[in-house]
Amino acid sequence: MMRSKKPELQIIPVLPLRDVVVFPYMVMPLFVGRPKSISSLDDAMQNNKNYY
């Protein structure tokens, strides 16, 4: 019996937005004001991470 590989666990950043749904490849301005959200976006941009 072959054992299947376990899927690799990934931690992905998520930015909750109010009153808007953003789809892949959609371009729109994001107005971010909470310090925690700003810090998270800065980290994602500096480390070339995707954001979900």
PDB file of N, CA and C in Angstrom:
ATOM      1  N   MET A   1       0.853  -1.177   0.000  1.00  0.00           N
ATOM      2  CA  MET A   1       0.000   0.000   0.000  1.00  0.00           C
ATOM      3  C   MET A   1       0.898   1.240   0.000  1.00  0.00           C
ATOM      4  N   MET A   2       0.659   2.156  -0.934  1.00  0.00           N
ATOM      5  CA  MET A   2       1.435   3.397  -0.994  1.00  0.00           C
ATOM      6  C   MET A   2       0.829   4.432  -0.062  1.00  0.00           C
ATOM      7  N   ARG A   3       1.704   5.125   0.584  1.00  0.00           N
ATOM      8  CA  ARG A   3       1.225   6.215   1.432  1.00  0.00           C
ATOM      9  C   ARG A   3       1.213   7.500   0.619  1.00  0.00           C
ATOM     10  N   SER A   4       0.143   8.221   0.730  1.00  0.00           N
ATOM     11  CA  SER A   4       0.077   9.491   0.001  1.00  0.00           C
ATOM     12  C   SER A   4       0.734  10.589   0.835  1.00  0.00           C
ATOM     13  N   LYS A   5       1.299  11.549   0.135  1.00  0.00           N
ATOM     14  CA  LYS A   5       1.934  12.673   0.824  1.00  0.00           C
ATOM     15  C   LYS A   5       0.868  13.568   1.439  1.00  0.00           C
ATOM     16  N   LYS A   6       1.176  14.080   2.603  1.00  0.00           N
ATOM     17  CA  LYS A   6       0.279  15.045   3.219  1.00  0.00           C
ATOM     18  C   LYS A   6       0.475  16.390   2.525  1.00  0.00           C
ATOM     19  N   PRO A   7      -0.596  17.116   2.305  1.00  0.00           N
ATOM     20  CA  PRO A   7      -0.428  18.433   1.686  1.00  0.00           C
ATOM     21  C   PRO A   7       0.390  19.350   2.597  1.00  0.00           C
ATOM     22  N   GLU A   8       1.205  20.169   1.978  1.00  0.00           N
ATOM     23  CA  GLU A   8       2.038  21.100   2.737  1.00  0.00           C
ATOM     24  C   GLU A   8       1.166  22.208   3.324  1.00  0.00           C
ATOM     25  N   LEU A   9       1.337  22.462   4.591  1.00  0.00           N
ATOM     26  CA  LEU A   9       0.578  23.495   5.276  1.00  0.00           C
ATOM     27  C   LEU A   9       1.165  24.859   4.953  1.00  0.00           C
ATOM     28  N   GLN A  10       0.315  25.803   4.569  1.00  0.00           N
ATOM     29  CA  GLN A  10       0.759  27.158   4.277  1.00  0.00           C
ATOM     30  C   GLN A  10      -0.032  28.140   5.115  1.00  0.00           C
ATOM     31  N   ILE A  11       0.641  29.166   5.549  1.00  0.00           N
ATOM     32  CA  ILE A  11      -0.028  30.269   6.232  1.00  0.00           C
ATOM     33  C   ILE A  11      -0.094  31.410   5.232  1.00  0.00           C
ATOM     34  N   ILE A  12      -1.308  31.873   4.941  1.00  0.00           N
ATOM     35  CA  ILE A  12      -1.463  32.946   3.966  1.00  0.00           C
ATOM     36  C   ILE A  12      -2.096  34.165   4.633  1.00  0.00           C
ATOM     37  N   PRO A  13      -1.633  35.356   4.265  1.00  0.00           N
ATOM     38  CA  PRO A  13      -2.209  36.564   4.844  1.00  0.00           C
ATOM     39  C   PRO A  13      -3.579  36.866   4.232  1.00  0.00           C
ATOM     40  N   VAL A  14      -4.482  37.358   5.049  1.00  0.00           N
ATOM     41  CA  VAL A  14      -5.831  37.713   4.612  1.00  0.00           C
ATOM     42  C   VAL A  14      -6.133  39.120   5.095  1.00  0.00           C
ATOM     43  N   LEU A  15      -6.696  39.924   4.220  1.00  0.00           N
ATOM     44  CA  LEU A  15      -7.073  41.288   4.580  1.00  0.00           C
ATOM     45  C   LEU A  15      -8.592  41.413   4.485  1.00  0.00           C
ATOM     46  N   PRO A  16      -9.282  41.508   5.617  1.00  0.00           N
ATOM     47  CA  PRO A  16     -10.736  41.667   5.559  1.00  0.00           C
ATOM     48  C   PRO A  16     -11.093  43.062   5.050  1.00  0.00           C
ATOM     49  N   LEU A  17     -12.070  43.123   4.154  1.00  0.00           N
ATOM     50  CA  LEU A  17     -12.507  44.398   3.582  1.00  0.00           C
ATOM     51  C   LEU A  17     -13.985  44.600   3.867  1.00  0.00           C
ATOM     52  N   ARG A  18     -14.370  45.850   4.005  1.00  0.00           N
ATOM     53  CA  ARG A  18     -15.782  46.177   4.245  1.00  0.00           C
ATOM     54  C   ARG A  18     -16.438  46.616   2.943  1.00  0.00           C
ATOM     55  N   ASP A  19     -17.642  46.141   2.712  1.00  0.00           N
ATOM     56  CA  ASP A  19     -18.486  46.586   1.601  1.00  0.00           C
ATOM     57  C   ASP A  19     -17.872  46.413   0.219  1.00  0.00           C
ATOM     58  N   VAL A  20     -16.959  45.462   0.051  1.00  0.00           N
ATOM     59  CA  VAL A  20     -16.378  45.247  -1.276  1.00  0.00           C
ATOM     60  C   VAL A  20     -15.926  43.799  -1.404  1.00  0.00           C
ATOM     61  N   VAL A  21     -16.049  43.277  -2.606  1.00  0.00           N
ATOM     62  CA  VAL A  21     -15.539  41.943  -2.917  1.00  0.00           C
ATOM     63  C   VAL A  21     -14.509  42.124  -4.019  1.00  0.00           C
ATOM     64  N   VAL A  22     -13.301  41.621  -3.814  1.00  0.00           N
ATOM     65  CA  VAL A  22     -12.231  41.757  -4.796  1.00  0.00           C
ATOM     66  C   VAL A  22     -11.962  40.386  -5.403  1.00  0.00           C
ATOM     67  N   PHE A  23     -11.964  40.333  -6.723  1.00  0.00           N
ATOM     68  CA  PHE A  23     -11.712  39.098  -7.451  1.00  0.00           C
ATOM     69  C   PHE A  23     -10.294  39.099  -8.012  1.00  0.00           C
ATOM     70  N   PRO A  24      -9.757  37.932  -8.358  1.00  0.00           N
ATOM     71  CA  PRO A  24      -8.405  37.879  -8.921  1.00  0.00           C
ATOM     72  C   PRO A  24      -8.261  38.791 -10.141  1.00  0.00           C
ATOM     73  N   TYR A  25      -7.117  39.429 -10.236  1.00  0.00           N
ATOM     74  CA  TYR A  25      -6.750  40.339 -11.324  1.00  0.00           C
ATOM     75  C   TYR A  25      -7.592  41.611 -11.370  1.00  0.00           C
ATOM     76  N   MET A  26      -8.372  41.866 -10.359  1.00  0.00           N
ATOM     77  CA  MET A  26      -9.175  43.080 -10.283  1.00  0.00           C
ATOM     78  C   MET A  26      -8.307  44.195  -9.717  1.00  0.00           C
ATOM     79  N   VAL A  27      -8.327  45.345 -10.378  1.00  0.00           N
ATOM     80  CA  VAL A  27      -7.517  46.478  -9.935  1.00  0.00           C
ATOM     81  C   VAL A  27      -8.439  47.517  -9.317  1.00  0.00           C
ATOM     82  N   MET A  28      -8.148  47.872  -8.074  1.00  0.00           N
ATOM     83  CA  MET A  28      -8.935  48.902  -7.394  1.00  0.00           C
ATOM     84  C   MET A  28      -8.141  49.431  -6.208  1.00  0.00           C
ATOM     85  N   PRO A  29      -8.378  50.675  -5.822  1.00  0.00           N
ATOM     86  CA  PRO A  29      -7.653  51.203  -4.659  1.00  0.00           C
ATOM     87  C   PRO A  29      -8.172  50.575  -3.366  1.00  0.00           C
ATOM     88  N   LEU A  30      -7.257  50.379  -2.435  1.00  0.00           N
ATOM     89  CA  LEU A  30      -7.626  49.886  -1.111  1.00  0.00           C
ATOM     90  C   LEU A  30      -7.325  50.979  -0.101  1.00  0.00           C
ATOM     91  N   PHE A  31      -8.309  51.350   0.672  1.00  0.00           N
ATOM     92  CA  PHE A  31      -8.122  52.350   1.712  1.00  0.00           C
ATOM     93  C   PHE A  31      -7.975  51.608   3.034  1.00  0.00           C
ATOM     94  N   VAL A  32      -6.748  51.559   3.528  1.00  0.00           N
ATOM     95  CA  VAL A  32      -6.430  50.791   4.728  1.00  0.00           C
ATOM     96  C   VAL A  32      -6.009  51.766   5.812  1.00  0.00           C
ATOM     97  N   GLY A  33      -6.622  51.673   6.983  1.00  0.00           N
ATOM     98  CA  GLY A  33      -6.329  52.631   8.038  1.00  0.00           C
ATOM     99  C   GLY A  33      -5.851  52.028   9.351  1.00  0.00           C
ATOM    100  N   ARG A  34      -6.235  50.785   9.611  1.00  0.00           N
ATOM    101  CA  ARG A  34      -5.831  50.163  10.880  1.00  0.00           C
ATOM    102  C   ARG A  34      -4.336  49.871  10.867  1.00  0.00           C
ATOM    103  N   PRO A  35      -3.628  50.237  11.931  1.00  0.00           N
ATOM    104  CA  PRO A  35      -2.179  49.992  11.988  1.00  0.00           C
ATOM    105  C   PRO A  35      -1.798  48.533  11.739  1.00  0.00           C
ATOM    106  N   LYS A  36      -2.593  47.603  12.246  1.00  0.00           N
ATOM    107  CA  LYS A  36      -2.313  46.176  12.046  1.00  0.00           C
ATOM    108  C   LYS A  36      -2.399  45.802  10.561  1.00  0.00           C
ATOM    109  N   SER A  37      -3.395  46.343   9.861  1.00  0.00           N
ATOM    110  CA  SER A  37      -3.560  46.068   8.431  1.00  0.00           C
ATOM    111  C   SER A  37      -2.434  46.696   7.621  1.00  0.00           C
ATOM    112  N   ILE A  38      -2.064  47.916   7.960  1.00  0.00           N
ATOM    113  CA  ILE A  38      -0.978  48.609   7.262  1.00  0.00           C
ATOM    114  C   ILE A  38       0.328  47.840   7.433  1.00  0.00           C
ATOM    115  N   SER A  39       0.604  47.407   8.642  1.00  0.00           N
ATOM    116  CA  SER A  39       1.819  46.644   8.928  1.00  0.00           C
ATOM    117  C   SER A  39       1.836  45.330   8.147  1.00  0.00           C
ATOM    118  N   SER A  40       0.706  44.675   8.076  1.00  0.00           N
ATOM    119  CA  SER A  40       0.600  43.409   7.367  1.00  0.00           C
ATOM    120  C   SER A  40       0.835  43.596   5.866  1.00  0.00           C
ATOM    121  N   LEU A  41       0.261  44.652   5.291  1.00  0.00           N
ATOM    122  CA  LEU A  41       0.468  44.940   3.870  1.00  0.00           C
ATOM    123  C   LEU A  41       1.917  45.315   3.586  1.00  0.00           C
ATOM    124  N   ASP A  42       2.523  46.107   4.458  1.00  0.00           N
ATOM    125  CA  ASP A  42       3.941  46.470   4.301  1.00  0.00           C
ATOM    126  C   ASP A  42       4.814  45.220   4.278  1.00  0.00           C
ATOM    127  N   ASP A  43       4.549  44.302   5.196  1.00  0.00           N
ATOM    128  CA  ASP A  43       5.317  43.058   5.261  1.00  0.00           C
ATOM    129  C   ASP A  43       5.142  42.238   3.984  1.00  0.00           C
ATOM    130  N   ALA A  44       3.922  42.151   3.490  1.00  0.00           N
ATOM    131  CA  ALA A  44       3.657  41.379   2.272  1.00  0.00           C
ATOM    132  C   ALA A  44       4.383  41.984   1.073  1.00  0.00           C
ATOM    133  N   MET A  45       4.386  43.298   0.965  1.00  0.00           N
ATOM    134  CA  MET A  45       5.053  43.947  -0.166  1.00  0.00           C
ATOM    135  C   MET A  45       6.565  43.820  -0.075  1.00  0.00           C
ATOM    136  N   GLN A  46       7.124  43.958   1.109  1.00  0.00           N
ATOM    137  CA  GLN A  46       8.576  43.877   1.277  1.00  0.00           C
ATOM    138  C   GLN A  46       9.094  42.465   1.023  1.00  0.00           C
ATOM    139  N   ASN A  47       8.287  41.467   1.304  1.00  0.00           N
ATOM    140  CA  ASN A  47       8.714  40.072   1.153  1.00  0.00           C
ATOM    141  C   ASN A  47       8.111  39.394  -0.071  1.00  0.00           C
ATOM    142  N   ASN A  48       7.541  40.201  -0.968  1.00  0.00           N
ATOM    143  CA  ASN A  48       6.974  39.702  -2.225  1.00  0.00           C
ATOM    144  C   ASN A  48       5.988  38.551  -1.999  1.00  0.00           C
ATOM    145  N   LYS A  49       5.068  38.741  -1.060  1.00  0.00           N
ATOM    146  CA  LYS A  49       4.063  37.724  -0.737  1.00  0.00           C
ATOM    147  C   LYS A  49       2.745  38.053  -1.427  1.00  0.00           C
ATOM    148  N   ASN A  50       1.962  37.025  -1.703  1.00  0.00           N
ATOM    149  CA  ASN A  50       0.603  37.234  -2.190  1.00  0.00           C
ATOM    150  C   ASN A  50      -0.291  37.546  -1.005  1.00  0.00           C
ATOM    151  N   TYR A  51      -1.348  38.251  -1.269  1.00  0.00           N
ATOM    152  CA  TYR A  51      -2.310  38.603  -0.229  1.00  0.00           C
ATOM    153  C   TYR A  51      -3.671  38.110  -0.641  1.00  0.00           C
ATOM    154  N   TYR A  52      -4.433  37.542   0.309  1.00  0.00           N
ATOM    155  CA  TYR A  52      -5.756  37.002   0.001  1.00  0.00           C
ATOM    156  C   TYR A  52      -6.802  37.660   0.853  1.00  0.00           C
TER     157      TYR A  52
END
